[in-house]
PDB file of all heavy atoms in Angstrom:
ATOM      1  N   TYR A   1      47.468   4.905 -50.855  1.00  0.00           N
ATOM      2  CA  TYR A   1      47.743   5.547 -49.607  1.00  0.00           C
ATOM      3  C   TYR A   1      47.010   6.903 -49.535  1.00  0.00           C
ATOM      4  O   TYR A   1      46.859   7.580 -50.534  1.00  0.00           O
ATOM      5  CB  TYR A   1      49.245   5.831 -49.442  1.00  0.00           C
ATOM      6  CG  TYR A   1      50.117   4.630 -49.583  1.00  0.00           C
ATOM      7  CD1 TYR A   1      50.860   4.442 -50.770  1.00  0.00           C
ATOM      8  CD2 TYR A   1      50.192   3.646 -48.616  1.00  0.00           C
ATOM      9  CE1 TYR A   1      51.656   3.336 -50.937  1.00  0.00           C
ATOM     10  CE2 TYR A   1      50.975   2.548 -48.758  1.00  0.00           C
ATOM     11  CZ  TYR A   1      51.733   2.378 -49.934  1.00  0.00           C
ATOM     12  OH  TYR A   1      52.502   1.274 -50.109  1.00  0.00           O
ATOM     13  N   PHE A   2      46.648   7.264 -48.337  1.00  0.00           N
ATOM     14  CA  PHE A   2      46.291   8.649 -48.002  1.00  0.00           C
ATOM     15  C   PHE A   2      47.409   9.198 -47.145  1.00  0.00           C
ATOM     16  O   PHE A   2      48.015   8.492 -46.325  1.00  0.00           O
ATOM     17  CB  PHE A   2      44.956   8.706 -47.210  1.00  0.00           C
ATOM     18  CG  PHE A   2      43.745   8.690 -48.092  1.00  0.00           C
ATOM     19  CD1 PHE A   2      43.169   7.485 -48.461  1.00  0.00           C
ATOM     20  CD2 PHE A   2      43.194   9.874 -48.578  1.00  0.00           C
ATOM     21  CE1 PHE A   2      42.051   7.462 -49.298  1.00  0.00           C
ATOM     22  CE2 PHE A   2      42.063   9.861 -49.385  1.00  0.00           C
ATOM     23  CZ  PHE A   2      41.511   8.643 -49.752  1.00  0.00           C
ATOM     24  N   PHE A   3      47.696  10.487 -47.317  1.00  0.00           N
ATOM     25  CA  PHE A   3      48.810  11.134 -46.632  1.00  0.00           C
ATOM     26  C   PHE A   3      48.345  12.475 -46.076  1.00  0.00           C
ATOM     27  O   PHE A   3      48.811  13.539 -46.509  1.00  0.00           O
ATOM     28  CB  PHE A   3      50.011  11.285 -47.594  1.00  0.00           C
ATOM     29  CG  PHE A   3      51.330  11.511 -46.926  1.00  0.00           C
ATOM     30  CD1 PHE A   3      51.829  10.580 -46.004  1.00  0.00           C
ATOM     31  CD2 PHE A   3      52.086  12.638 -47.215  1.00  0.00           C
ATOM     32  CE1 PHE A   3      53.072  10.760 -45.435  1.00  0.00           C
ATOM     33  CE2 PHE A   3      53.357  12.818 -46.637  1.00  0.00           C
ATOM     34  CZ  PHE A   3      53.820  11.907 -45.734  1.00  0.00           C
ATOM     35  N   PRO A   4      47.426  12.455 -45.127  1.00  0.00           N
ATOM     36  CA  PRO A   4      46.876  13.719 -44.613  1.00  0.00           C
ATOM     37  C   PRO A   4      47.863  14.539 -43.805  1.00  0.00           C
ATOM     38  O   PRO A   4      48.734  13.974 -43.065  1.00  0.00           O
ATOM     39  CB  PRO A   4      45.717  13.288 -43.730  1.00  0.00           C
ATOM     40  CG  PRO A   4      46.007  11.851 -43.339  1.00  0.00           C
ATOM     41  CD  PRO A   4      46.773  11.287 -44.503  1.00  0.00           C
ATOM     42  N   ASP A   5      47.759  15.832 -43.934  1.00  0.00           N
ATOM     43  CA  ASP A   5      48.528  16.756 -43.114  1.00  0.00           C
ATOM     44  C   ASP A   5      47.792  16.919 -41.761  1.00  0.00           C
ATOM     45  O   ASP A   5      46.603  17.308 -41.749  1.00  0.00           O
ATOM     46  CB  ASP A   5      48.602  18.140 -43.850  1.00  0.00           C
ATOM     47  CG  ASP A   5      49.394  19.173 -43.115  1.00  0.00           C
ATOM     48  OD1 ASP A   5      49.114  19.408 -41.953  1.00  0.00           O
ATOM     49  OD2 ASP A   5      50.264  19.817 -43.744  1.00  0.00           O
ATOM     50  N   ILE A   6      48.490  16.637 -40.684  1.00  0.00           N
ATOM     51  CA  ILE A   6      47.875  16.709 -39.319  1.00  0.00           C
ATOM     52  C   ILE A   6      48.585  17.772 -38.491  1.00  0.00           C
ATOM     53  O   ILE A   6      48.560  17.670 -37.249  1.00  0.00           O
ATOM     54  CB  ILE A   6      47.891  15.320 -38.655  1.00  0.00           C
ATOM     55  CG1 ILE A   6      49.303  14.693 -38.639  1.00  0.00           C
ATOM     56  CG2 ILE A   6      46.917  14.380 -39.367  1.00  0.00           C
ATOM     57  CD1 ILE A   6      50.162  15.109 -37.503  1.00  0.00           C
ATOM     58  N   SER A   7      49.132  18.774 -39.152  1.00  0.00           N
ATOM     59  CA  SER A   7      49.870  19.819 -38.389  1.00  0.00           C
ATOM     60  C   SER A   7      48.967  20.562 -37.395  1.00  0.00           C
ATOM     61  O   SER A   7      49.472  21.143 -36.434  1.00  0.00           O
ATOM     62  CB  SER A   7      50.482  20.830 -39.361  1.00  0.00           C
ATOM     63  OG  SER A   7      49.558  21.344 -40.288  1.00  0.00           O
ATOM     64  N   HIS A   8      47.650  20.454 -37.580  1.00  0.00           N
ATOM     65  CA  HIS A   8      46.718  21.028 -36.626  1.00  0.00           C
ATOM     66  C   HIS A   8      46.965  20.523 -35.180  1.00  0.00           C
ATOM     67  O   HIS A   8      46.714  21.248 -34.206  1.00  0.00           O
ATOM     68  CB  HIS A   8      45.288  20.672 -37.058  1.00  0.00           C
ATOM     69  CG  HIS A   8      44.212  21.014 -36.078  1.00  0.00           C
ATOM     70  ND1 HIS A   8      43.726  22.287 -35.902  1.00  0.00           N
ATOM     71  CD2 HIS A   8      43.513  20.230 -35.186  1.00  0.00           C
ATOM     72  CE1 HIS A   8      42.774  22.269 -34.991  1.00  0.00           C
ATOM     73  NE2 HIS A   8      42.625  21.061 -34.519  1.00  0.00           N
ATOM     74  N   TYR A   9      47.450  19.267 -35.091  1.00  0.00           N
ATOM     75  CA  TYR A   9      47.618  18.639 -33.750  1.00  0.00           C
ATOM     76  C   TYR A   9      49.058  18.749 -33.202  1.00  0.00           C
ATOM     77  O   TYR A   9      49.271  18.434 -32.042  1.00  0.00           O
ATOM     78  CB  TYR A   9      47.219  17.159 -33.853  1.00  0.00           C
ATOM     79  CG  TYR A   9      45.761  16.979 -34.133  1.00  0.00           C
ATOM     80  CD1 TYR A   9      45.260  16.688 -35.405  1.00  0.00           C
ATOM     81  CD2 TYR A   9      44.802  17.123 -33.083  1.00  0.00           C
ATOM     82  CE1 TYR A   9      43.926  16.551 -35.651  1.00  0.00           C
ATOM     83  CE2 TYR A   9      43.460  16.966 -33.353  1.00  0.00           C
ATOM     84  CZ  TYR A   9      43.018  16.691 -34.631  1.00  0.00           C
ATOM     85  OH  TYR A   9      41.669  16.548 -34.857  1.00  0.00           O
ATOM     86  N   ILE A  10      49.980  19.139 -34.065  1.00  0.00           N
ATOM     87  CA  ILE A  10      51.398  19.192 -33.591  1.00  0.00           C
ATOM     88  C   ILE A  10      51.558  20.374 -32.650  1.00  0.00           C
ATOM     89  O   ILE A  10      51.085  21.468 -32.885  1.00  0.00           O
ATOM     90  CB  ILE A  10      52.328  19.323 -34.798  1.00  0.00           C
ATOM     91  CG1 ILE A  10      52.269  18.009 -35.642  1.00  0.00           C
ATOM     92  CG2 ILE A  10      53.781  19.574 -34.351  1.00  0.00           C
ATOM     93  CD1 ILE A  10      53.061  18.069 -36.929  1.00  0.00           C
ATOM     94  N   GLY A  11      52.212  20.058 -31.533  1.00  0.00           N
ATOM     95  CA  GLY A  11      52.381  21.089 -30.462  1.00  0.00           C
ATOM     96  C   GLY A  11      51.298  21.038 -29.430  1.00  0.00           C
ATOM     97  O   GLY A  11      51.411  21.738 -28.390  1.00  0.00           O
ATOM     98  N   LYS A  12      50.299  20.207 -29.603  1.00  0.00           N
ATOM     99  CA  LYS A  12      49.238  20.086 -28.653  1.00  0.00           C
ATOM    100  C   LYS A  12      49.482  18.914 -27.689  1.00  0.00           C
ATOM    101  O   LYS A  12      50.327  18.061 -27.952  1.00  0.00           O
ATOM    102  CB  LYS A  12      47.868  19.903 -29.334  1.00  0.00           C
ATOM    103  CG  LYS A  12      47.422  21.097 -30.151  1.00  0.00           C
ATOM    104  CD  LYS A  12      46.005  20.899 -30.709  1.00  0.00           C
ATOM    105  CE  LYS A  12      45.532  22.158 -31.421  1.00  0.00           C
ATOM    106  NZ  LYS A  12      44.124  22.006 -31.905  1.00  0.00           N
ATOM    107  N   THR A  13      48.773  18.900 -26.604  1.00  0.00           N
ATOM    108  CA  THR A  13      48.786  17.774 -25.679  1.00  0.00           C
ATOM    109  C   THR A  13      47.414  17.136 -25.721  1.00  0.00           C
ATOM    110  O   THR A  13      46.402  17.779 -25.391  1.00  0.00           O
ATOM    111  CB  THR A  13      49.137  18.220 -24.252  1.00  0.00           C
ATOM    112  OG1 THR A  13      50.437  18.785 -24.239  1.00  0.00           O
ATOM    113  CG2 THR A  13      49.112  17.046 -23.289  1.00  0.00           C
ATOM    114  N   LEU A  14      47.357  15.903 -26.150  1.00  0.00           N
ATOM    115  CA  LEU A  14      46.113  15.196 -26.310  1.00  0.00           C
ATOM    116  C   LEU A  14      45.986  14.097 -25.233  1.00  0.00           C
ATOM    117  O   LEU A  14      46.774  13.149 -25.216  1.00  0.00           O
ATOM    118  CB  LEU A  14      46.009  14.549 -27.686  1.00  0.00           C
ATOM    119  CG  LEU A  14      46.229  15.475 -28.923  1.00  0.00           C
ATOM    120  CD1 LEU A  14      46.060  14.691 -30.181  1.00  0.00           C
ATOM    121  CD2 LEU A  14      45.214  16.633 -28.870  1.00  0.00           C
ATOM    122  N   ASP A  15      45.085  14.340 -24.321  1.00  0.00           N
ATOM    123  CA  ASP A  15      44.843  13.346 -23.228  1.00  0.00           C
ATOM    124  C   ASP A  15      46.168  12.965 -22.515  1.00  0.00           C
ATOM    125  O   ASP A  15      46.426  11.797 -22.267  1.00  0.00           O
ATOM    126  CB  ASP A  15      44.198  12.082 -23.856  1.00  0.00           C
ATOM    127  CG  ASP A  15      43.480  11.236 -22.789  1.00  0.00           C
ATOM    128  OD1 ASP A  15      43.140  11.801 -21.721  1.00  0.00           O
ATOM    129  OD2 ASP A  15      43.281  10.036 -23.014  1.00  0.00           O
ATOM    130  N   GLY A  16      46.956  14.000 -22.288  1.00  0.00           N
ATOM    131  CA  GLY A  16      48.251  13.808 -21.571  1.00  0.00           C
ATOM    132  C   GLY A  16      49.405  13.425 -22.434  1.00  0.00           C
ATOM    133  O   GLY A  16      50.510  13.233 -21.958  1.00  0.00           O
ATOM    134  N   ASN A  17      49.179  13.305 -23.750  1.00  0.00           N
ATOM    135  CA  ASN A  17      50.248  12.907 -24.693  1.00  0.00           C
ATOM    136  C   ASN A  17      50.697  14.133 -25.471  1.00  0.00           C
ATOM    137  O   ASN A  17      49.920  14.759 -26.210  1.00  0.00           O
ATOM    138  CB  ASN A  17      49.737  11.862 -25.680  1.00  0.00           C
ATOM    139  CG  ASN A  17      49.320  10.562 -25.008  1.00  0.00           C
ATOM    140  OD1 ASN A  17      50.120   9.693 -24.804  1.00  0.00           O
ATOM    141  ND2 ASN A  17      48.041  10.471 -24.650  1.00  0.00           N
ATOM    142  N   GLU A  18      51.983  14.503 -25.347  1.00  0.00           N
ATOM    143  CA  GLU A  18      52.536  15.613 -26.079  1.00  0.00           C
ATOM    144  C   GLU A  18      52.778  15.165 -27.516  1.00  0.00           C
ATOM    145  O   GLU A  18      53.461  14.197 -27.798  1.00  0.00           O
ATOM    146  CB  GLU A  18      53.843  16.080 -25.454  1.00  0.00           C
ATOM    147  CG  GLU A  18      54.410  17.300 -26.126  1.00  0.00           C
ATOM    148  CD  GLU A  18      55.764  17.763 -25.568  1.00  0.00           C
ATOM    149  OE1 GLU A  18      56.247  17.067 -24.611  1.00  0.00           O
ATOM    150  OE2 GLU A  18      56.325  18.725 -26.050  1.00  0.00           O
ATOM    151  N   ILE A  19      52.216  15.936 -28.481  1.00  0.00           N
ATOM    152  CA  ILE A  19      52.358  15.601 -29.904  1.00  0.00           C
ATOM    153  C   ILE A  19      53.432  16.519 -30.495  1.00  0.00           C
ATOM    154  O   ILE A  19      53.133  17.666 -30.864  1.00  0.00           O
ATOM    155  CB  ILE A  19      51.026  15.778 -30.624  1.00  0.00           C
ATOM    156  CG1 ILE A  19      49.909  14.981 -29.915  1.00  0.00           C
ATOM    157  CG2 ILE A  19      51.177  15.300 -32.077  1.00  0.00           C
ATOM    158  CD1 ILE A  19      50.137  13.494 -29.838  1.00  0.00           C
ATOM    159  N   LYS A  20      54.631  16.013 -30.566  1.00  0.00           N
ATOM    160  CA  LYS A  20      55.744  16.808 -31.114  1.00  0.00           C
ATOM    161  C   LYS A  20      55.831  16.739 -32.614  1.00  0.00           C
ATOM    162  O   LYS A  20      56.328  17.635 -33.270  1.00  0.00           O
ATOM    163  CB  LYS A  20      57.079  16.360 -30.496  1.00  0.00           C
ATOM    164  CG  LYS A  20      57.151  16.514 -29.000  1.00  0.00           C
ATOM    165  CD  LYS A  20      58.518  16.177 -28.398  1.00  0.00           C
ATOM    166  CE  LYS A  20      58.851  14.717 -28.614  1.00  0.00           C
ATOM    167  NZ  LYS A  20      57.941  13.813 -27.823  1.00  0.00           N
ATOM    168  N   ASP A  21      55.369  15.608 -33.191  1.00  0.00           N
ATOM    169  CA  ASP A  21      55.462  15.419 -34.637  1.00  0.00           C
ATOM    170  C   ASP A  21      54.454  14.329 -35.032  1.00  0.00           C
ATOM    171  O   ASP A  21      53.694  13.842 -34.183  1.00  0.00           O
ATOM    172  CB  ASP A  21      56.861  15.058 -35.096  1.00  0.00           C
ATOM    173  CG  ASP A  21      57.433  13.843 -34.351  1.00  0.00           C
ATOM    174  OD1 ASP A  21      56.653  12.877 -34.028  1.00  0.00           O
ATOM    175  OD2 ASP A  21      58.635  13.777 -34.108  1.00  0.00           O
ATOM    176  N   ALA A  22      54.462  13.980 -36.283  1.00  0.00           N
ATOM    177  CA  ALA A  22      53.431  13.050 -36.802  1.00  0.00           C
ATOM    178  C   ALA A  22      53.688  11.622 -36.259  1.00  0.00           C
ATOM    179  O   ALA A  22      52.710  10.873 -36.137  1.00  0.00           O
ATOM    180  CB  ALA A  22      53.503  12.988 -38.335  1.00  0.00           C
ATOM    181  N   ASP A  23      54.903  11.275 -35.864  1.00  0.00           N
ATOM    182  CA  ASP A  23      55.162   9.962 -35.265  1.00  0.00           C
ATOM    183  C   ASP A  23      54.437   9.859 -33.917  1.00  0.00           C
ATOM    184  O   ASP A  23      53.828   8.803 -33.604  1.00  0.00           O
ATOM    185  CB  ASP A  23      56.658   9.721 -35.125  1.00  0.00           C
ATOM    186  CG  ASP A  23      57.328   9.429 -36.430  1.00  0.00           C
ATOM    187  OD1 ASP A  23      56.650   9.413 -37.474  1.00  0.00           O
ATOM    188  OD2 ASP A  23      58.564   9.142 -36.424  1.00  0.00           O
ATOM    189  N   ASP A  24      54.512  10.923 -33.129  1.00  0.00           N
ATOM    190  CA  ASP A  24      53.778  10.941 -31.859  1.00  0.00           C
ATOM    191  C   ASP A  24      52.290  10.820 -32.096  1.00  0.00           C
ATOM    192  O   ASP A  24      51.571  10.062 -31.373  1.00  0.00           O
ATOM    193  CB  ASP A  24      54.051  12.246 -31.113  1.00  0.00           C
ATOM    194  CG  ASP A  24      55.431  12.345 -30.494  1.00  0.00           C
ATOM    195  OD1 ASP A  24      56.100  11.306 -30.371  1.00  0.00           O
ATOM    196  OD2 ASP A  24      55.851  13.456 -30.191  1.00  0.00           O
ATOM    197  N   PHE A  25      51.817  11.508 -33.126  1.00  0.00           N
ATOM    198  CA  PHE A  25      50.376  11.473 -33.454  1.00  0.00           C
ATOM    199  C   PHE A  25      49.959  10.066 -33.864  1.00  0.00           C
ATOM    200  O   PHE A  25      48.897   9.552 -33.437  1.00  0.00           O
ATOM    201  CB  PHE A  25      50.047  12.474 -34.512  1.00  0.00           C
ATOM    202  CG  PHE A  25      48.581  12.588 -34.805  1.00  0.00           C
ATOM    203  CD1 PHE A  25      47.748  13.305 -33.954  1.00  0.00           C
ATOM    204  CD2 PHE A  25      48.045  12.027 -35.942  1.00  0.00           C
ATOM    205  CE1 PHE A  25      46.398  13.441 -34.222  1.00  0.00           C
ATOM    206  CE2 PHE A  25      46.678  12.133 -36.221  1.00  0.00           C
ATOM    207  CZ  PHE A  25      45.852  12.824 -35.358  1.00  0.00           C
ATOM    208  N   ALA A  26      50.774   9.418 -34.716  1.00  0.00           N
ATOM    209  CA  ALA A  26      50.460   8.043 -35.160  1.00  0.00           C
ATOM    210  C   ALA A  26      50.410   7.095 -34.006  1.00  0.00           C
ATOM    211  O   ALA A  26      49.509   6.180 -33.941  1.00  0.00           O
ATOM    212  CB  ALA A  26      51.491   7.578 -36.184  1.00  0.00           C
ATOM    213  N   MET A  27      51.312   7.225 -33.004  1.00  0.00           N
ATOM    214  CA  MET A  27      51.278   6.372 -31.875  1.00  0.00           C
ATOM    215  C   MET A  27      50.049   6.638 -31.005  1.00  0.00           C
ATOM    216  O   MET A  27      49.453   5.734 -30.455  1.00  0.00           O
ATOM    217  CB  MET A  27      52.561   6.575 -31.061  1.00  0.00           C
ATOM    218  CG  MET A  27      52.718   5.540 -29.922  1.00  0.00           C
ATOM    219  SD  MET A  27      52.804   3.798 -30.489  1.00  0.00           S
ATOM    220  CE  MET A  27      54.461   3.830 -31.239  1.00  0.00           C
TER     221      MET A  27
END
C-alpha cells in the first residue's frame, strides 16, 4: 500500500466538490 498525506486538498473546493476529509477526496 501507499498512504499519501493529502491534507493539501482538505478544506478546498475542487470543481464544485467540497473536500472536508480524505473520504471526500477519494470519492
